[in-house]
C-alpha cells in the first residue's frame, strides 16, 4: 500500500517547490506546477525507502547511546582522573564503541 506521506516525500525530493494535493493515490498539481509522472514518483519512493532502510543503524544508535549529558560526564571524569589509568581512560570509548559495534554502519 502506498501511503500519503511517501508520495509527498517523493514528490518533494523530485521538486521541492512543487505545489500539489494528494487524495488517496491521486495527485492534483497546483499553481502551474509541472506534473511528475506516476512512474517517476514511484521510482523516487523506492529510492527514498532504500535510503531510509540503509540508515537504520543511525536510528538504532541514537536510542542506544547514553544521554549526551552522561557521555560528557564520562568524558569529564576520564580527563579529570589520572589519565594513565587505562580502564578509566577508556570508559567513554568503550561505551560508545559498544553501540557502534552492535549497530554497524552498513
N, C-alpha and C. Protein backbone atom coordinates (compact mmCIF):
# COMPACT_ATOMS: atom_id res chain seq x y z
N UNK A 1 0.84 -1.19 0.00
CA UNK A 1 0.00 0.00 0.00
C UNK A 1 0.88 1.25 0.00
N UNK A 2 0.51 2.19 -0.82
CA UNK A 2 1.25 3.44 -0.92
C UNK A 2 0.62 4.44 0.05
N UNK A 3 1.47 5.04 0.89
CA UNK A 3 0.94 5.99 1.86
C UNK A 3 1.08 7.42 1.37
N UNK A 4 0.21 8.24 1.86
CA UNK A 4 0.19 9.67 1.54
C UNK A 4 1.56 10.29 1.80
N UNK A 5 2.13 10.01 2.97
CA UNK A 5 3.41 10.62 3.35
C UNK A 5 4.54 10.22 2.39
N UNK A 6 4.52 8.98 1.93
CA UNK A 6 5.57 8.53 1.00
C UNK A 6 5.45 9.24 -0.34
N UNK A 7 4.23 9.44 -0.80
CA UNK A 7 4.01 10.15 -2.07
C UNK A 7 4.49 11.59 -1.93
N UNK A 8 4.10 12.24 -0.85
CA UNK A 8 4.50 13.63 -0.62
C UNK A 8 6.02 13.75 -0.57
N UNK A 9 6.67 12.88 0.20
CA UNK A 9 8.13 12.94 0.33
C UNK A 9 8.81 12.73 -1.03
N UNK A 10 8.32 11.77 -1.81
CA UNK A 10 8.91 11.51 -3.11
C UNK A 10 8.77 12.72 -4.03
N UNK A 11 7.59 13.31 -4.07
CA UNK A 11 7.39 14.49 -4.93
C UNK A 11 8.32 15.62 -4.52
N UNK A 12 8.41 15.87 -3.23
CA UNK A 12 9.25 16.97 -2.76
C UNK A 12 10.74 16.69 -2.96
N UNK A 13 11.13 15.41 -2.98
CA UNK A 13 12.51 15.06 -3.30
C UNK A 13 12.82 15.38 -4.77
N UNK A 14 11.83 15.18 -5.62
CA UNK A 14 12.00 15.47 -7.05
C UNK A 14 11.94 16.97 -7.31
N UNK A 15 10.95 17.63 -6.70
CA UNK A 15 10.76 19.07 -6.91
C UNK A 15 10.33 19.71 -5.60
N UNK A 16 11.28 20.31 -4.90
CA UNK A 16 10.99 20.87 -3.58
C UNK A 16 10.04 22.07 -3.64
N UNK A 17 9.83 22.64 -4.82
CA UNK A 17 8.93 23.79 -4.97
C UNK A 17 7.54 23.38 -5.46
N UNK A 18 7.31 22.09 -5.66
CA UNK A 18 6.04 21.62 -6.21
C UNK A 18 4.87 22.02 -5.30
N UNK A 19 3.78 22.42 -5.95
CA UNK A 19 2.53 22.73 -5.25
C UNK A 19 1.53 21.66 -5.71
N UNK A 20 0.96 20.95 -4.74
CA UNK A 20 0.09 19.83 -5.08
C UNK A 20 -0.76 19.41 -3.89
N UNK A 21 -1.75 18.62 -4.19
CA UNK A 21 -2.59 17.99 -3.17
C UNK A 21 -2.67 16.51 -3.52
N UNK A 22 -2.57 15.66 -2.50
CA UNK A 22 -2.66 14.22 -2.71
C UNK A 22 -3.96 13.73 -2.08
N UNK A 23 -4.77 13.09 -2.88
CA UNK A 23 -6.02 12.48 -2.40
C UNK A 23 -5.96 11.00 -2.74
N UNK A 24 -5.77 10.18 -1.72
CA UNK A 24 -5.56 8.76 -1.97
C UNK A 24 -4.24 8.60 -2.68
N UNK A 25 -4.28 8.06 -3.90
CA UNK A 25 -3.08 7.93 -4.71
C UNK A 25 -3.11 8.89 -5.90
N UNK A 26 -4.05 9.83 -5.88
CA UNK A 26 -4.20 10.79 -6.98
C UNK A 26 -3.55 12.11 -6.57
N UNK A 27 -2.72 12.64 -7.46
CA UNK A 27 -2.04 13.90 -7.20
C UNK A 27 -2.68 14.98 -8.07
N UNK A 28 -3.06 16.06 -7.45
CA UNK A 28 -3.58 17.22 -8.17
C UNK A 28 -2.50 18.30 -8.12
N UNK A 29 -2.04 18.70 -9.29
CA UNK A 29 -0.96 19.68 -9.38
C UNK A 29 -1.55 21.08 -9.35
N UNK A 30 -0.96 21.96 -8.55
CA UNK A 30 -1.49 23.30 -8.34
C UNK A 30 -0.50 24.37 -8.80
N UNK A 31 -1.03 25.55 -9.02
CA UNK A 31 -0.24 26.76 -9.29
C UNK A 31 0.79 26.56 -10.41
N UNK A 32 0.39 25.86 -11.44
CA UNK A 32 1.25 25.72 -12.61
C UNK A 32 2.43 24.76 -12.43
N UNK A 33 2.42 23.98 -11.36
CA UNK A 33 3.50 23.02 -11.15
C UNK A 33 3.47 21.99 -12.28
N UNK A 34 4.62 21.76 -12.87
CA UNK A 34 4.73 20.75 -13.92
C UNK A 34 4.50 19.37 -13.31
N UNK A 35 3.52 18.63 -13.82
CA UNK A 35 3.23 17.31 -13.26
C UNK A 35 4.44 16.37 -13.37
N UNK A 36 4.57 15.52 -12.37
CA UNK A 36 5.61 14.48 -12.34
C UNK A 36 4.90 13.16 -12.61
N UNK A 37 5.46 12.35 -13.47
CA UNK A 37 4.80 11.10 -13.82
C UNK A 37 4.69 10.17 -12.61
N UNK A 38 3.67 9.33 -12.64
CA UNK A 38 3.47 8.36 -11.58
C UNK A 38 4.68 7.43 -11.48
N UNK A 39 5.23 7.05 -12.63
CA UNK A 39 6.41 6.16 -12.64
C UNK A 39 7.60 6.82 -11.96
N UNK A 40 7.80 8.12 -12.22
CA UNK A 40 8.91 8.83 -11.58
C UNK A 40 8.70 8.95 -10.07
N UNK A 41 7.47 9.19 -9.66
CA UNK A 41 7.16 9.28 -8.23
C UNK A 41 7.40 7.94 -7.56
N UNK A 42 6.93 6.86 -8.18
CA UNK A 42 7.10 5.53 -7.61
C UNK A 42 8.58 5.14 -7.53
N UNK A 43 9.36 5.50 -8.56
CA UNK A 43 10.79 5.21 -8.55
C UNK A 43 11.48 5.97 -7.42
N UNK A 44 11.09 7.22 -7.22
CA UNK A 44 11.69 8.02 -6.14
C UNK A 44 11.28 7.46 -4.79
N UNK A 45 10.05 6.95 -4.66
CA UNK A 45 9.61 6.35 -3.40
C UNK A 45 10.49 5.15 -3.05
N UNK A 46 10.83 4.33 -4.04
CA UNK A 46 11.70 3.17 -3.82
C UNK A 46 13.07 3.65 -3.36
N UNK A 47 13.59 4.68 -4.01
CA UNK A 47 14.90 5.23 -3.67
C UNK A 47 14.92 5.79 -2.25
N UNK A 48 13.89 6.56 -1.89
CA UNK A 48 13.80 7.15 -0.56
C UNK A 48 13.70 6.07 0.51
N UNK A 49 12.91 5.02 0.24
CA UNK A 49 12.77 3.92 1.19
C UNK A 49 14.09 3.18 1.37
N UNK A 50 14.82 2.98 0.27
CA UNK A 50 16.11 2.29 0.35
C UNK A 50 17.09 3.09 1.20
N UNK A 51 17.09 4.41 1.03
CA UNK A 51 17.97 5.26 1.83
C UNK A 51 17.57 5.20 3.31
N UNK A 52 16.27 5.23 3.58
CA UNK A 52 15.78 5.13 4.96
C UNK A 52 16.21 3.80 5.58
N UNK A 53 16.03 2.72 4.84
CA UNK A 53 16.41 1.40 5.34
C UNK A 53 17.91 1.30 5.59
N UNK A 54 18.71 1.88 4.69
CA UNK A 54 20.17 1.82 4.82
C UNK A 54 20.67 2.57 6.04
N UNK A 55 19.89 3.50 6.54
CA UNK A 55 20.30 4.30 7.69
C UNK A 55 19.67 3.84 9.00
N UNK A 56 19.18 2.61 9.04
CA UNK A 56 18.57 2.08 10.27
C UNK A 56 19.56 2.12 11.42
N UNK A 57 20.83 1.85 11.14
CA UNK A 57 21.84 1.86 12.19
C UNK A 57 21.88 3.20 12.92
N UNK A 58 21.63 4.29 12.21
CA UNK A 58 21.64 5.62 12.84
C UNK A 58 20.51 5.74 13.86
N UNK A 59 19.33 5.26 13.50
CA UNK A 59 18.20 5.32 14.42
C UNK A 59 18.43 4.39 15.62
N UNK A 60 19.03 3.21 15.35
CA UNK A 60 19.33 2.28 16.44
C UNK A 60 20.36 2.87 17.40
N UNK A 61 21.40 3.48 16.85
CA UNK A 61 22.43 4.08 17.70
C UNK A 61 21.88 5.23 18.52
N UNK A 62 21.06 6.05 17.91
CA UNK A 62 20.54 7.24 18.60
C UNK A 62 19.81 6.87 19.88
N UNK A 63 19.10 5.76 19.88
CA UNK A 63 18.38 5.34 21.08
C UNK A 63 19.23 4.50 22.02
N UNK A 64 20.35 3.95 21.53
CA UNK A 64 21.18 3.08 22.36
C UNK A 64 22.27 3.84 23.11
N UNK A 65 22.72 4.97 22.58
CA UNK A 65 23.75 5.75 23.28
C UNK A 65 23.21 6.28 24.60
N UNK A 66 24.09 6.42 25.57
CA UNK A 66 23.67 7.11 26.79
C UNK A 66 23.32 8.57 26.45
N UNK A 67 22.50 9.21 27.26
CA UNK A 67 22.19 10.62 27.02
C UNK A 67 23.47 11.44 26.91
N UNK A 68 23.44 12.50 26.12
CA UNK A 68 24.64 13.30 25.87
C UNK A 68 25.24 13.83 27.17
N UNK A 69 24.41 14.18 28.12
CA UNK A 69 24.93 14.64 29.41
C UNK A 69 25.76 13.58 30.09
N UNK A 70 25.30 12.32 30.03
CA UNK A 70 26.07 11.22 30.62
C UNK A 70 27.37 10.99 29.86
N UNK A 71 27.32 11.12 28.53
CA UNK A 71 28.54 10.96 27.74
C UNK A 71 29.57 12.02 28.13
N UNK A 72 29.12 13.25 28.24
CA UNK A 72 30.04 14.33 28.60
C UNK A 72 30.57 14.15 30.02
N UNK A 73 29.72 13.65 30.91
CA UNK A 73 30.15 13.41 32.28
C UNK A 73 31.24 12.32 32.30
N UNK A 74 31.05 11.25 31.52
CA UNK A 74 32.07 10.20 31.43
C UNK A 74 33.38 10.78 30.91
N UNK A 75 33.27 11.59 29.88
CA UNK A 75 34.46 12.20 29.30
C UNK A 75 35.16 13.11 30.30
N UNK A 76 34.39 13.92 31.00
CA UNK A 76 34.97 14.82 32.00
C UNK A 76 35.71 14.04 33.08
N UNK A 77 35.06 13.01 33.62
CA UNK A 77 35.68 12.23 34.69
C UNK A 77 36.92 11.48 34.18
N UNK A 78 36.90 11.09 32.92
CA UNK A 78 38.07 10.44 32.34
C UNK A 78 39.24 11.41 32.29
N UNK A 79 38.96 12.62 31.85
CA UNK A 79 40.00 13.64 31.75
C UNK A 79 40.45 14.08 33.15
N UNK A 80 39.49 14.21 34.06
CA UNK A 80 39.74 14.72 35.40
C UNK A 80 40.58 13.76 36.24
N UNK A 81 40.43 12.48 36.03
CA UNK A 81 41.18 11.47 36.80
C UNK A 81 42.55 11.24 36.18
N UNK A 82 43.32 10.42 36.83
CA UNK A 82 44.65 10.09 36.32
C UNK A 82 44.52 9.42 34.97
N UNK A 83 44.92 10.11 33.93
CA UNK A 83 44.75 9.64 32.56
C UNK A 83 45.52 8.37 32.28
N UNK A 84 46.48 8.02 33.12
CA UNK A 84 47.26 6.81 32.89
C UNK A 84 46.52 5.54 33.31
N UNK A 85 45.42 5.69 34.05
CA UNK A 85 44.63 4.52 34.43
C UNK A 85 43.82 4.09 33.21
N UNK A 86 44.26 3.07 32.53
CA UNK A 86 43.68 2.68 31.25
C UNK A 86 42.17 2.41 31.33
N UNK A 87 41.71 1.72 32.38
CA UNK A 87 40.29 1.41 32.47
C UNK A 87 39.45 2.69 32.50
N UNK A 88 39.83 3.64 33.31
CA UNK A 88 39.08 4.89 33.40
C UNK A 88 39.18 5.68 32.10
N UNK A 89 40.34 5.65 31.51
CA UNK A 89 40.55 6.39 30.27
C UNK A 89 39.63 5.91 29.16
N UNK A 90 39.35 4.59 29.15
CA UNK A 90 38.57 4.03 28.05
C UNK A 90 37.09 3.83 28.36
N UNK A 91 36.62 4.24 29.55
CA UNK A 91 35.18 4.10 29.85
C UNK A 91 34.32 4.75 28.78
N UNK A 92 34.64 5.98 28.46
CA UNK A 92 33.88 6.70 27.45
C UNK A 92 33.97 5.98 26.10
N UNK A 93 35.18 5.66 25.71
CA UNK A 93 35.41 5.00 24.43
C UNK A 93 34.66 3.67 24.36
N UNK A 94 34.77 2.86 25.41
CA UNK A 94 34.13 1.54 25.40
C UNK A 94 32.61 1.64 25.32
N UNK A 95 32.04 2.61 26.01
CA UNK A 95 30.58 2.78 25.99
C UNK A 95 30.09 3.11 24.59
N UNK A 96 30.76 4.05 23.93
CA UNK A 96 30.37 4.45 22.59
C UNK A 96 30.68 3.34 21.58
N UNK A 97 31.84 2.70 21.72
CA UNK A 97 32.25 1.64 20.80
C UNK A 97 31.27 0.47 20.84
N UNK A 98 30.75 0.13 22.02
CA UNK A 98 29.80 -0.98 22.16
C UNK A 98 28.55 -0.73 21.29
N UNK A 99 28.07 0.50 21.28
CA UNK A 99 26.90 0.84 20.45
C UNK A 99 27.25 0.75 18.97
N UNK A 100 28.42 1.27 18.60
CA UNK A 100 28.82 1.24 17.20
C UNK A 100 29.01 -0.19 16.69
N UNK A 101 29.49 -1.08 17.53
CA UNK A 101 29.66 -2.48 17.12
C UNK A 101 28.31 -3.17 17.02
N UNK A 102 27.43 -2.89 17.95
CA UNK A 102 26.10 -3.52 17.95
C UNK A 102 25.29 -3.08 16.74
N UNK A 103 25.43 -1.82 16.34
CA UNK A 103 24.68 -1.28 15.20
C UNK A 103 25.69 -0.73 14.18
N UNK A 104 26.33 -1.63 13.42
CA UNK A 104 27.37 -1.18 12.49
C UNK A 104 26.80 -0.39 11.31
N UNK A 105 27.62 0.51 10.81
CA UNK A 105 27.27 1.26 9.61
C UNK A 105 27.45 0.30 8.44
N UNK A 106 26.40 0.15 7.66
CA UNK A 106 26.48 -0.81 6.54
C UNK A 106 26.75 -0.13 5.23
